[in-house]
């Protein structure tokens, strides 16, 4: 069983999953902070990219996100392929 999610963590996780579905690629931290997909607001706007980074790292540590790439400019996150993540996104 994975650790539970805070409201903010769940919102970010759902946003990343929806972004992947809509765009076919990972959102940038700026995209996540804006909370929009194809110019439609789907998540709360966050003014701090540092806050987005913090939430992303917590989701990764908890096992809900996978990380790809080692170069800071090419690092992106995507929803982990496991039952807990699928359940959280619903």
Protein backbone atom coordinates (compact mmCIF):
# COMPACT_ATOMS: atom_id res chain seq x y z
CA UNK A 1 0.00 0.00 0.00
CA UNK A 2 1.34 3.39 -1.02
CA UNK A 3 1.34 6.41 1.32
CA UNK A 4 -1.81 8.51 1.05
CA UNK A 5 -1.87 11.70 -1.01
CA UNK A 6 -2.56 15.23 0.08
CA UNK A 7 -5.14 17.23 -1.88
CA UNK A 8 -2.37 19.16 -3.68
CA UNK A 9 -0.43 15.97 -4.56
CA UNK A 10 -3.55 14.32 -5.98
CA UNK A 11 -4.37 17.40 -8.03
CA UNK A 12 -0.86 17.44 -9.53
CA UNK A 13 -0.94 13.68 -10.23
CA UNK A 14 -4.31 13.92 -11.98
CA UNK A 15 -3.09 16.95 -13.95
CA UNK A 16 0.00 15.09 -15.17
CA UNK A 17 -2.10 12.08 -16.23
CA UNK A 18 -4.59 14.28 -18.10
CA UNK A 19 -1.79 16.24 -19.74
CA UNK A 20 -0.21 12.99 -20.98
CA UNK A 21 -3.56 11.90 -22.44
CA UNK A 22 -4.21 15.24 -24.14
CA UNK A 23 -0.72 16.17 -25.36
CA UNK A 24 1.12 12.84 -25.57
CA UNK A 25 4.09 14.20 -23.64
CA UNK A 26 5.09 15.24 -20.16
CA UNK A 27 4.12 18.68 -18.84
CA UNK A 28 6.84 21.10 -17.80
CA UNK A 29 6.84 22.47 -14.27
CA UNK A 30 5.54 25.72 -15.79
CA UNK A 31 2.65 23.83 -17.44
CA UNK A 32 1.82 22.23 -14.09
CA UNK A 33 2.01 25.60 -12.35
CA UNK A 34 -0.34 27.16 -14.92
CA UNK A 35 -2.83 24.33 -14.45
CA UNK A 36 -4.09 24.51 -18.02
CA UNK A 37 -4.30 21.95 -20.80
CA UNK A 38 -5.06 23.24 -24.28
CA UNK A 39 -5.95 26.63 -22.76
CA UNK A 40 -8.54 25.13 -20.39
CA UNK A 41 -8.11 25.41 -16.62
CA UNK A 42 -8.08 21.91 -15.13
CA UNK A 43 -6.09 22.51 -11.95
CA UNK A 44 -5.34 25.26 -9.49
CA UNK A 45 -2.81 27.83 -10.70
CA UNK A 46 0.36 27.73 -8.60
CA UNK A 47 2.56 30.79 -8.43
CA UNK A 48 5.66 28.96 -7.21
CA UNK A 49 7.55 26.57 -9.45
CA UNK A 50 9.55 25.63 -6.38
CA UNK A 51 6.29 24.44 -4.80
CA UNK A 52 5.51 22.40 -7.93
CA UNK A 53 8.98 20.86 -7.76
CA UNK A 54 8.47 19.96 -4.09
CA UNK A 55 5.12 18.23 -4.81
CA UNK A 56 6.56 16.36 -7.81
CA UNK A 57 9.46 15.05 -5.75
CA UNK A 58 7.06 13.90 -3.01
CA UNK A 59 4.92 12.05 -5.58
CA UNK A 60 8.03 10.42 -7.03
CA UNK A 61 9.26 9.38 -3.59
CA UNK A 62 5.84 7.91 -2.73
CA UNK A 63 5.90 5.86 -5.96
CA UNK A 64 3.10 7.60 -7.86
CA UNK A 65 5.38 9.12 -10.52
CA UNK A 66 8.25 7.71 -12.55
CA UNK A 67 11.22 9.81 -13.60
CA UNK A 68 12.92 9.65 -16.98
CA UNK A 69 16.14 11.27 -18.10
CA UNK A 70 19.15 12.30 -16.09
CA UNK A 71 19.91 15.66 -17.67
CA UNK A 72 18.08 18.44 -15.82
CA UNK A 73 16.75 19.86 -19.08
CA UNK A 74 15.37 16.51 -20.23
CA UNK A 75 14.02 15.15 -16.96
CA UNK A 76 10.30 14.53 -17.01
CA UNK A 77 7.80 12.67 -14.91
CA UNK A 78 4.94 10.42 -15.87
CA UNK A 79 2.35 8.46 -13.87
CA UNK A 80 3.72 5.18 -12.55
CA UNK A 81 2.12 2.06 -14.04
CA UNK A 82 0.71 0.52 -10.89
CA UNK A 83 -2.69 -0.06 -9.31
CA UNK A 84 -2.25 2.61 -6.63
CA UNK A 85 -1.57 5.30 -9.22
CA UNK A 86 -4.50 4.20 -11.39
CA UNK A 87 -6.77 4.29 -8.35
CA UNK A 88 -5.55 7.75 -7.33
CA UNK A 89 -6.14 9.19 -10.81
CA UNK A 90 -9.76 8.05 -10.98
